């Protein structure tokens, strides 16, 4: 696969990936700064933003993407102690779920 675009800003960076036939196979990014995470830290517990924000991503985004032939993947969040909130929208190979 080939990364066509890499953007920086908004507290992180993102990529758009195409296969050798120039078909979109993935979009992803790493968020390094999150206002909700910063607010939770002010309240004394960085994890507080996970149930209010990050969990919503993990429930809603996969359902929306399932209709498009893509899946949502994430290894961790700032709230969980990861260095970035990563997210990937990846094309599902035909016949794979």
PDB file of N, CA and C in Angstrom:
ATOM      1  N   UNK A   1       0.839  -1.186   0.000  1.00  0.00           N
ATOM      2  CA  UNK A   1       0.000   0.000   0.000  1.00  0.00           C
ATOM      3  C   UNK A   1       0.882   1.248   0.000  1.00  0.00           C
ATOM      4  N   UNK A   2       0.302   2.330  -0.388  1.00  0.00           N
ATOM      5  CA  UNK A   2       1.041   3.574  -0.555  1.00  0.00           C
ATOM      6  C   UNK A   2       0.341   4.690   0.214  1.00  0.00           C
ATOM      7  N   UNK A   3       1.099   5.400   1.025  1.00  0.00           N
ATOM      8  CA  UNK A   3       0.537   6.542   1.740  1.00  0.00           C
ATOM      9  C   UNK A   3       0.593   7.740   0.804  1.00  0.00           C
ATOM     10  N   UNK A   4      -0.560   8.284   0.510  1.00  0.00           N
ATOM     11  CA  UNK A   4      -0.653   9.389  -0.433  1.00  0.00           C
ATOM     12  C   UNK A   4      -0.595  10.737   0.277  1.00  0.00           C
ATOM     13  N   UNK A   5      -1.200  10.818   1.421  1.00  0.00           N
ATOM     14  CA  UNK A   5      -1.296  12.106   2.096  1.00  0.00           C
ATOM     15  C   UNK A   5      -0.982  11.939   3.567  1.00  0.00           C
ATOM     16  N   UNK A   6      -0.227  12.846   4.080  1.00  0.00           N
ATOM     17  CA  UNK A   6       0.024  12.871   5.523  1.00  0.00           C
ATOM     18  C   UNK A   6      -0.168  14.313   5.948  1.00  0.00           C
ATOM     19  N   UNK A   7      -1.094  14.523   6.845  1.00  0.00           N
ATOM     20  CA  UNK A   7      -1.387  15.872   7.300  1.00  0.00           C
ATOM     21  C   UNK A   7      -1.007  16.007   8.764  1.00  0.00           C
ATOM     22  N   UNK A   8      -0.653  17.198   9.157  1.00  0.00           N
ATOM     23  CA  UNK A   8      -0.320  17.473  10.546  1.00  0.00           C
ATOM     24  C   UNK A   8      -1.143  18.653  11.019  1.00  0.00           C
ATOM     25  N   UNK A   9      -1.468  18.649  12.270  1.00  0.00           N
ATOM     26  CA  UNK A   9      -2.253  19.730  12.845  1.00  0.00           C
ATOM     27  C   UNK A   9      -3.303  19.168  13.779  1.00  0.00           C
ATOM     28  N   UNK A  10      -4.009  20.027  14.430  1.00  0.00           N
ATOM     29  CA  UNK A  10      -5.057  19.644  15.367  1.00  0.00           C
ATOM     30  C   UNK A  10      -4.552  18.637  16.395  1.00  0.00           C
ATOM     31  N   UNK A  11      -3.324  18.801  16.831  1.00  0.00           N
ATOM     32  CA  UNK A  11      -2.788  17.955  17.884  1.00  0.00           C
ATOM     33  C   UNK A  11      -2.388  16.564  17.445  1.00  0.00           C
ATOM     34  N   UNK A  12      -2.123  16.343  16.171  1.00  0.00           N
ATOM     35  CA  UNK A  12      -1.726  15.017  15.732  1.00  0.00           C
ATOM     36  C   UNK A  12      -1.447  15.002  14.251  1.00  0.00           C
ATOM     37  N   UNK A  13      -1.506  13.820  13.660  1.00  0.00           N
ATOM     38  CA  UNK A  13      -1.300  13.700  12.225  1.00  0.00           C
ATOM     39  C   UNK A  13      -2.147  12.566  11.692  1.00  0.00           C
ATOM     40  N   UNK A  14      -2.364  12.559  10.380  1.00  0.00           N
ATOM     41  CA  UNK A  14      -3.175  11.531   9.762  1.00  0.00           C
ATOM     42  C   UNK A  14      -2.608  11.097   8.430  1.00  0.00           C
ATOM     43  N   UNK A  15      -3.086   9.946   7.953  1.00  0.00           N
ATOM     44  CA  UNK A  15      -2.649   9.413   6.676  1.00  0.00           C
ATOM     45  C   UNK A  15      -3.849   8.897   5.882  1.00  0.00           C
ATOM     46  N   UNK A  16      -3.696   8.916   4.572  1.00  0.00           N
ATOM     47  CA  UNK A  16      -4.663   8.311   3.655  1.00  0.00           C
ATOM     48  C   UNK A  16      -3.870   7.318   2.813  1.00  0.00           C
ATOM     49  N   UNK A  17      -4.325   6.062   2.760  1.00  0.00           N
ATOM     50  CA  UNK A  17      -3.566   5.008   2.101  1.00  0.00           C
ATOM     51  C   UNK A  17      -4.360   4.401   0.947  1.00  0.00           C
ATOM     52  N   UNK A  18      -3.684   4.213  -0.190  1.00  0.00           N
ATOM     53  CA  UNK A  18      -4.280   3.596  -1.368  1.00  0.00           C
ATOM     54  C   UNK A  18      -3.491   2.337  -1.723  1.00  0.00           C
ATOM     55  N   UNK A  19      -4.154   1.377  -2.386  1.00  0.00           N
ATOM     56  CA  UNK A  19      -3.441   0.188  -2.851  1.00  0.00           C
ATOM     57  C   UNK A  19      -2.810   0.464  -4.214  1.00  0.00           C
ATOM     58  N   UNK A  20      -2.194  -0.559  -4.805  1.00  0.00           N
ATOM     59  CA  UNK A  20      -1.480  -0.370  -6.074  1.00  0.00           C
ATOM     60  C   UNK A  20      -2.411   0.005  -7.230  1.00  0.00           C
ATOM     61  N   UNK A  21      -3.709  -0.256  -7.076  1.00  0.00           N
ATOM     62  CA  UNK A  21      -4.681   0.113  -8.106  1.00  0.00           C
ATOM     63  C   UNK A  21      -5.349   1.457  -7.788  1.00  0.00           C
ATOM     64  N   UNK A  22      -4.775   2.162  -6.834  1.00  0.00           N
ATOM     65  CA  UNK A  22      -5.241   3.500  -6.428  1.00  0.00           C
ATOM     66  C   UNK A  22      -6.625   3.466  -5.777  1.00  0.00           C
ATOM     67  N   UNK A  23      -6.960   2.344  -5.124  1.00  0.00           N
ATOM     68  CA  UNK A  23      -8.210   2.259  -4.374  1.00  0.00           C
ATOM     69  C   UNK A  23      -7.921   2.619  -2.920  1.00  0.00           C
ATOM     70  N   UNK A  24      -8.815   3.381  -2.325  1.00  0.00           N
ATOM     71  CA  UNK A  24      -8.665   3.761  -0.916  1.00  0.00           C
ATOM     72  C   UNK A  24      -8.768   2.522  -0.050  1.00  0.00           C
ATOM     73  N   UNK A  25      -7.738   2.275   0.752  1.00  0.00           N
ATOM     74  CA  UNK A  25      -7.752   1.112   1.637  1.00  0.00           C
ATOM     75  C   UNK A  25      -7.688   1.492   3.111  1.00  0.00           C
ATOM     76  N   UNK A  26      -7.397   2.742   3.411  1.00  0.00           N
ATOM     77  CA  UNK A  26      -7.361   3.114   4.815  1.00  0.00           C
ATOM     78  C   UNK A  26      -7.170   4.593   5.054  1.00  0.00           C
ATOM     79  N   UNK A  27      -7.702   5.012   6.178  1.00  0.00           N
ATOM     80  CA  UNK A  27      -7.524   6.372   6.672  1.00  0.00           C
ATOM     81  C   UNK A  27      -7.209   6.226   8.154  1.00  0.00           C
ATOM     82  N   UNK A  28      -6.261   6.997   8.636  1.00  0.00           N
ATOM     83  CA  UNK A  28      -5.929   6.871  10.042  1.00  0.00           C
ATOM     84  C   UNK A  28      -5.267   8.112  10.580  1.00  0.00           C
ATOM     85  N   UNK A  29      -5.128   8.121  11.877  1.00  0.00           N
ATOM     86  CA  UNK A  29      -4.487   9.255  12.498  1.00  0.00           C
ATOM     87  C   UNK A  29      -4.071   8.961  13.922  1.00  0.00           C
ATOM     88  N   UNK A  30      -3.241   9.812  14.443  1.00  0.00           N
ATOM     89  CA  UNK A  30      -2.787   9.750  15.829  1.00  0.00           C
ATOM     90  C   UNK A  30      -3.019  11.115  16.453  1.00  0.00           C
ATOM     91  N   UNK A  31      -3.893  11.160  17.423  1.00  0.00           N
ATOM     92  CA  UNK A  31      -4.222  12.403  18.112  1.00  0.00           C
ATOM     93  C   UNK A  31      -3.312  12.507  19.337  1.00  0.00           C
ATOM     94  N   UNK A  32      -2.551  13.582  19.398  1.00  0.00           N
ATOM     95  CA  UNK A  32      -1.618  13.786  20.508  1.00  0.00           C
ATOM     96  C   UNK A  32      -2.179  14.698  21.590  1.00  0.00           C
ATOM     97  N   UNK A  33      -3.191  15.486  21.234  1.00  0.00           N
ATOM     98  CA  UNK A  33      -3.787  16.409  22.189  1.00  0.00           C
ATOM     99  C   UNK A  33      -5.302  16.288  22.100  1.00  0.00           C
ATOM    100  N   UNK A  34      -5.957  16.168  23.239  1.00  0.00           N
ATOM    101  CA  UNK A  34      -7.414  16.058  23.291  1.00  0.00           C
ATOM    102  C   UNK A  34      -7.916  16.961  24.411  1.00  0.00           C
ATOM    103  N   UNK A  35      -8.790  17.861  24.075  1.00  0.00           N
ATOM    104  CA  UNK A  35      -9.307  18.800  25.075  1.00  0.00           C
ATOM    105  C   UNK A  35     -10.046  18.061  26.191  1.00  0.00           C
ATOM    106  N   UNK A  36     -10.726  16.959  25.852  1.00  0.00           N
ATOM    107  CA  UNK A  36     -11.457  16.208  26.882  1.00  0.00           C
ATOM    108  C   UNK A  36     -10.481  15.534  27.841  1.00  0.00           C
ATOM    109  N   UNK A  37      -9.376  15.058  27.332  1.00  0.00           N
ATOM    110  CA  UNK A  37      -8.348  14.451  28.175  1.00  0.00           C
ATOM    111  C   UNK A  37      -7.736  15.501  29.104  1.00  0.00           C
ATOM    112  N   UNK A  38      -7.482  16.681  28.547  1.00  0.00           N
ATOM    113  CA  UNK A  38      -6.931  17.768  29.360  1.00  0.00           C
ATOM    114  C   UNK A  38      -7.904  18.176  30.460  1.00  0.00           C
ATOM    115  N   UNK A  39      -9.189  18.250  30.138  1.00  0.00           N
ATOM    116  CA  UNK A  39     -10.202  18.601  31.147  1.00  0.00           C
ATOM    117  C   UNK A  39     -10.257  17.549  32.246  1.00  0.00           C
ATOM    118  N   UNK A  40     -10.203  16.274  31.861  1.00  0.00           N
ATOM    119  CA  UNK A  40     -10.231  15.197  32.851  1.00  0.00           C
ATOM    120  C   UNK A  40      -9.024  15.272  33.778  1.00  0.00           C
ATOM    121  N   UNK A  41      -7.867  15.643  33.223  1.00  0.00           N
ATOM    122  CA  UNK A  41      -6.671  15.800  34.066  1.00  0.00           C
ATOM    123  C   UNK A  41      -6.874  16.912  35.085  1.00  0.00           C
ATOM    124  N   UNK A  42      -7.564  17.986  34.684  1.00  0.00           N
ATOM    125  CA  UNK A  42      -7.843  19.086  35.622  1.00  0.00           C
ATOM    126  C   UNK A  42      -8.724  18.616  36.778  1.00  0.00           C
ATOM    127  N   UNK A  43      -9.581  17.628  36.519  1.00  0.00           N
ATOM    128  CA  UNK A  43     -10.424  17.059  37.572  1.00  0.00           C
ATOM    129  C   UNK A  43      -9.698  15.983  38.368  1.00  0.00           C
ATOM    130  N   UNK A  44      -8.433  15.729  38.021  1.00  0.00           N
ATOM    131  CA  UNK A  44      -7.614  14.813  38.802  1.00  0.00           C
ATOM    132  C   UNK A  44      -7.585  13.376  38.315  1.00  0.00           C
ATOM    133  N   UNK A  45      -8.289  13.052  37.226  1.00  0.00           N
ATOM    134  CA  UNK A  45      -8.296  11.678  36.741  1.00  0.00           C
ATOM    135  C   UNK A  45      -8.378  11.665  35.216  1.00  0.00           C
ATOM    136  N   UNK A  46      -7.244  11.482  34.517  1.00  0.00           N
ATOM    137  CA  UNK A  46      -7.238  11.507  33.059  1.00  0.00           C
ATOM    138  C   UNK A  46      -8.171  10.470  32.426  1.00  0.00           C
ATOM    139  N   UNK A  47      -8.472   9.395  33.164  1.00  0.00           N
ATOM    140  CA  UNK A  47      -9.334   8.337  32.617  1.00  0.00           C
ATOM    141  C   UNK A  47     -10.787   8.798  32.468  1.00  0.00           C
ATOM    142  N   UNK A  48     -11.173   9.856  33.151  1.00  0.00           N
ATOM    143  CA  UNK A  48     -12.570  10.300  33.114  1.00  0.00           C
ATOM    144  C   UNK A  48     -13.077  10.566  31.698  1.00  0.00           C
ATOM    145  N   UNK A  49     -12.216  10.931  30.792  1.00  0.00           N
ATOM    146  CA  UNK A  49     -12.692  11.211  29.434  1.00  0.00           C
ATOM    147  C   UNK A  49     -12.962   9.937  28.652  1.00  0.00           C
ATOM    148  N   UNK A  50     -12.456   8.784  29.095  1.00  0.00           N
ATOM    149  CA  UNK A  50     -12.697   7.547  28.341  1.00  0.00           C
ATOM    150  C   UNK A  50     -14.184   7.194  28.277  1.00  0.00           C
ATOM    151  N   UNK A  51     -14.890   7.070  29.419  1.00  0.00           N
ATOM    152  CA  UNK A  51     -16.301   6.681  29.310  1.00  0.00           C
ATOM    153  C   UNK A  51     -17.177   7.731  28.629  1.00  0.00           C
ATOM    154  N   UNK A  52     -16.789   8.984  28.701  1.00  0.00           N
ATOM    155  CA  UNK A  52     -17.630  10.030  28.121  1.00  0.00           C
ATOM    156  C   UNK A  52     -17.347  10.280  26.646  1.00  0.00           C
ATOM    157  N   UNK A  53     -16.148   9.980  26.174  1.00  0.00           N
ATOM    158  CA  UNK A  53     -15.778  10.333  24.797  1.00  0.00           C
ATOM    159  C   UNK A  53     -15.223   9.135  24.028  1.00  0.00           C
ATOM    160  N   UNK A  54     -14.152   8.557  24.478  1.00  0.00           N
ATOM    161  CA  UNK A  54     -13.466   7.483  23.743  1.00  0.00           C
ATOM    162  C   UNK A  54     -14.377   6.271  23.548  1.00  0.00           C
ATOM    163  N   UNK A  55     -15.108   5.908  24.590  1.00  0.00           N
ATOM    164  CA  UNK A  55     -15.983   4.739  24.493  1.00  0.00           C
ATOM    165  C   UNK A  55     -17.052   4.949  23.420  1.00  0.00           C
ATOM    166  N   UNK A  56     -17.550   6.167  23.312  1.00  0.00           N
ATOM    167  CA  UNK A  56     -18.531   6.480  22.273  1.00  0.00           C
ATOM    168  C   UNK A  56     -17.985   6.215  20.882  1.00  0.00           C
ATOM    169  N   UNK A  57     -16.711   6.541  20.667  1.00  0.00           N
ATOM    170  CA  UNK A  57     -16.067   6.225  19.382  1.00  0.00           C
ATOM    171  C   UNK A  57     -16.095   4.725  19.127  1.00  0.00           C
ATOM    172  N   UNK A  58     -15.767   3.959  20.150  1.00  0.00           N
ATOM    173  CA  UNK A  58     -15.623   2.522  20.000  1.00  0.00           C
ATOM    174  C   UNK A  58     -16.954   1.806  19.794  1.00  0.00           C
ATOM    175  N   UNK A  59     -18.049   2.451  20.182  1.00  0.00           N
ATOM    176  CA  UNK A  59     -19.373   1.874  19.989  1.00  0.00           C
ATOM    177  C   UNK A  59     -20.004   2.356  18.683  1.00  0.00           C
ATOM    178  N   UNK A  60     -19.918   3.641  18.415  1.00  0.00           N
ATOM    179  CA  UNK A  60     -20.610   4.238  17.282  1.00  0.00           C
ATOM    180  C   UNK A  60     -19.881   4.048  15.951  1.00  0.00           C
ATOM    181  N   UNK A  61     -18.597   4.342  15.910  1.00  0.00           N
ATOM    182  CA  UNK A  61     -17.863   4.325  14.642  1.00  0.00           C
ATOM    183  C   UNK A  61     -17.885   2.952  13.966  1.00  0.00           C
ATOM    184  N   UNK A  62     -17.669   1.831  14.683  1.00  0.00           N
ATOM    185  CA  UNK A  62     -17.718   0.530  13.997  1.00  0.00           C
ATOM    186  C   UNK A  62     -19.073   0.256  13.333  1.00  0.00           C
ATOM    187  N   UNK A  63     -20.150   0.666  13.984  1.00  0.00           N
ATOM    188  CA  UNK A  63     -21.487   0.446  13.414  1.00  0.00           C
ATOM    189  C   UNK A  63     -21.683   1.255  12.141  1.00  0.00           C
ATOM    190  N   UNK A  64     -21.212   2.478  12.137  1.00  0.00           N
ATOM    191  CA  UNK A  64     -21.341   3.320  10.944  1.00  0.00           C
ATOM    192  C   UNK A  64     -20.472   2.778   9.818  1.00  0.00           C
ATOM    193  N   UNK A  65     -19.226   2.430  10.136  1.00  0.00           N
ATOM    194  CA  UNK A  65     -18.306   1.945   9.105  1.00  0.00           C
ATOM    195  C   UNK A  65     -18.709   0.593   8.537  1.00  0.00           C
ATOM    196  N   UNK A  66     -19.381  -0.241   9.324  1.00  0.00           N
ATOM    197  CA  UNK A  66     -19.792  -1.559   8.847  1.00  0.00           C
ATOM    198  C   UNK A  66     -20.649  -1.445   7.586  1.00  0.00           C
ATOM    199  N   UNK A  67     -21.373  -0.375   7.461  1.00  0.00           N
ATOM    200  CA  UNK A  67     -22.227  -0.164   6.281  1.00  0.00           C
ATOM    201  C   UNK A  67     -21.422   0.253   5.052  1.00  0.00           C
ATOM    202  N   UNK A  68     -20.181   0.646   5.247  1.00  0.00           N
ATOM    203  CA  UNK A  68     -19.375   1.166   4.146  1.00  0.00           C
ATOM    204  C   UNK A  68     -18.306   0.192   3.657  1.00  0.00           C
ATOM    205  N   UNK A  69     -18.132  -0.933   4.367  1.00  0.00           N
ATOM    206  CA  UNK A  69     -17.091  -1.877   3.985  1.00  0.00           C
ATOM    207  C   UNK A  69     -15.752  -1.619   4.664  1.00  0.00           C
ATOM    208  N   UNK A  70     -15.760  -0.771   5.675  1.00  0.00           N
ATOM    209  CA  UNK A  70     -14.542  -0.464   6.434  1.00  0.00           C
ATOM    210  C   UNK A  70     -14.722  -0.889   7.883  1.00  0.00           C
ATOM    211  N   UNK A  71     -13.617  -1.018   8.601  1.00  0.00           N
ATOM    212  CA  UNK A  71     -13.678  -1.319  10.038  1.00  0.00           C
ATOM    213  C   UNK A  71     -12.837  -0.305  10.797  1.00  0.00           C
ATOM    214  N   UNK A  72     -13.159  -0.153  12.062  1.00  0.00           N
ATOM    215  CA  UNK A  72     -12.480   0.774  12.963  1.00  0.00           C
ATOM    216  C   UNK A  72     -11.507  -0.011  13.817  1.00  0.00           C
ATOM    217  N   UNK A  73     -10.278   0.484  13.929  1.00  0.00           N
ATOM    218  CA  UNK A  73      -9.279  -0.144  14.790  1.00  0.00           C
ATOM    219  C   UNK A  73      -8.613   0.933  15.630  1.00  0.00           C
ATOM    220  N   UNK A  74      -8.341   0.601  16.865  1.00  0.00           N
ATOM    221  CA  UNK A  74      -7.634   1.521  17.754  1.00  0.00           C
ATOM    222  C   UNK A  74      -6.844   0.685  18.754  1.00  0.00           C
ATOM    223  N   UNK A  75      -5.592   1.053  18.965  1.00  0.00           N
ATOM    224  CA  UNK A  75      -4.752   0.326  19.919  1.00  0.00           C
ATOM    225  C   UNK A  75      -4.846   0.915  21.320  1.00  0.00           C
ATOM    226  N   UNK A  76      -5.137   2.209  21.430  1.00  0.00           N
ATOM    227  CA  UNK A  76      -5.205   2.819  22.744  1.00  0.00           C
ATOM    228  C   UNK A  76      -5.639   4.269  22.669  1.00  0.00           C
ATOM    229  N   UNK A  77      -5.857   4.843  23.827  1.00  0.00           N
ATOM    230  CA  UNK A  77      -6.261   6.248  23.918  1.00  0.00           C
ATOM    231  C   UNK A  77      -5.395   6.958  24.949  1.00  0.00           C
ATOM    232  N   UNK A  78      -5.377   8.265  24.869  1.00  0.00           N
ATOM    233  CA  UNK A  78      -4.676   9.058  25.871  1.00  0.00           C
ATOM    234  C   UNK A  78      -5.244   8.757  27.259  1.00  0.00           C
ATOM    235  N   UNK A  79      -6.556   8.608  27.337  1.00  0.00           N
ATOM    236  CA  UNK A  79      -7.207   8.329  28.621  1.00  0.00           C
ATOM    237  C   UNK A  79      -6.756   7.005  29.232  1.00  0.00           C
ATOM    238  N   UNK A  80      -6.374   6.068  28.376  1.00  0.00           N
ATOM    239  CA  UNK A  80      -5.906   4.769  28.854  1.00  0.00           C
ATOM    240  C   UNK A  80      -4.403   4.748  29.100  1.00  0.00           C
ATOM    241  N   UNK A  81      -3.751   5.894  28.878  1.00  0.00           N
ATOM    242  CA  UNK A  81      -2.322   5.987  29.120  1.00  0.00           C
ATOM    243  C   UNK A  81      -1.451   5.799  27.887  1.00  0.00           C
ATOM    244  N   UNK A  82      -2.057   5.622  26.714  1.00  0.00           N
ATOM    245  CA  UNK A  82      -1.282   5.496  25.482  1.00  0.00           C
ATOM    246  C   UNK A  82      -0.682   6.854  25.107  1.00  0.00           C
ATOM    247  N   UNK A  83       0.418   6.872  24.350  1.00  0.00           N
ATOM    248  CA  UNK A  83       1.032   8.152  23.976  1.00  0.00           C
ATOM    249  C   UNK A  83       0.198   8.952  22.975  1.00  0.00           C
ATOM    250  N   UNK A  84      -0.709   8.260  22.249  1.00  0.00           N
ATOM    251  CA  UNK A  84      -1.613   8.915  21.289  1.00  0.00           C
ATOM    252  C   UNK A  84      -2.942   8.166  21.288  1.00  0.00           C
ATOM    253  N   UNK A  85      -3.984   8.849  20.834  1.00  0.00           N
ATOM    254  CA  UNK A  85      -5.236   8.185  20.492  1.00  0.00           C
ATOM    255  C   UNK A  85      -5.122   7.866  19.017  1.00  0.00           C
ATOM    256  N   UNK A  86      -4.906   6.604  18.715  1.00  0.00           N
ATOM    257  CA  UNK A  86      -4.789   6.244  17.313  1.00  0.00           C
ATOM    258  C   UNK A  86      -6.150   5.769  16.814  1.00  0.00           C
ATOM    259  N   UNK A  87      -6.394   5.980  15.564  1.00  0.00           N
ATOM    260  CA  UNK A  87      -7.601   5.443  14.952  1.00  0.00           C
ATOM    261  C   UNK A  87      -7.296   5.092  13.509  1.00  0.00           C
ATOM    262  N   UNK A  88      -7.898   4.007  13.066  1.00  0.00           N
ATOM    263  CA  UNK A  88      -7.712   3.539  11.702  1.00  0.00           C
ATOM    264  C   UNK A  88      -9.061   3.103  11.160  1.00  0.00           C
ATOM    265  N   UNK A  89      -9.345   3.535   9.947  1.00  0.00           N
ATOM    266  CA  UNK A  89     -10.506   3.053   9.210  1.00  0.00           C
ATOM    267  C   UNK A  89      -9.921   2.235   8.071  1.00  0.00           C
ATOM    268  N   UNK A  90     -10.110   0.909   8.104  1.00  0.00           N
ATOM    269  CA  UNK A  90      -9.467   0.026   7.125  1.00  0.00           C
ATOM    270  C   UNK A  90     -10.495  -0.715   6.299  1.00  0.00           C
ATOM    271  N   UNK A  91     -10.205  -0.850   5.009  1.00  0.00           N
ATOM    272  CA  UNK A  91     -11.072  -1.595   4.107  1.00  0.00           C
ATOM    273  C   UNK A  91     -11.085  -3.058   4.526  1.00  0.00           C
ATOM    274  N   UNK A  92     -12.272  -3.634   4.612  1.00  0.00           N
ATOM    275  CA  UNK A  92     -12.405  -5.040   4.949  1.00  0.00           C
ATOM    276  C   UNK A  92     -12.289  -5.854   3.662  1.00  0.00           C
ATOM    277  N   UNK A  93     -11.391  -6.830   3.666  1.00  0.00           N
ATOM    278  CA  UNK A  93     -11.254  -7.693   2.484  1.00  0.00           C
ATOM    279  C   UNK A  93     -12.561  -8.446   2.275  1.00  0.00           C
ATOM    280  N   UNK A  94     -12.931  -8.630   1.043  1.00  0.00           N
ATOM    281  CA  UNK A  94     -14.186  -9.342   0.743  1.00  0.00           C
ATOM    282  C   UNK A  94     -14.185 -10.704   1.394  1.00  0.00           C
ATOM    283  N   UNK A  95     -15.293 -11.045   2.027  1.00  0.00           N
ATOM    284  CA  UNK A  95     -15.431 -12.344   2.682  1.00  0.00           C
ATOM    285  C   UNK A  95     -14.842 -12.399   4.075  1.00  0.00           C
ATOM    286  N   UNK A  96     -14.287 -11.285   4.568  1.00  0.00           N
ATOM    287  CA  UNK A  96     -13.688 -11.255   5.914  1.00  0.00           C
ATOM    288  C   UNK A  96     -14.530 -10.356   6.791  1.00  0.00           C
ATOM    289  N   UNK A  97     -14.796 -10.764   8.003  1.00  0.00           N
ATOM    290  CA  UNK A  97     -15.541  -9.941   8.972  1.00  0.00           C
ATOM    291  C   UNK A  97     -14.841  -9.907  10.274  1.00  0.00           C
TER     292      UNK A  97
END
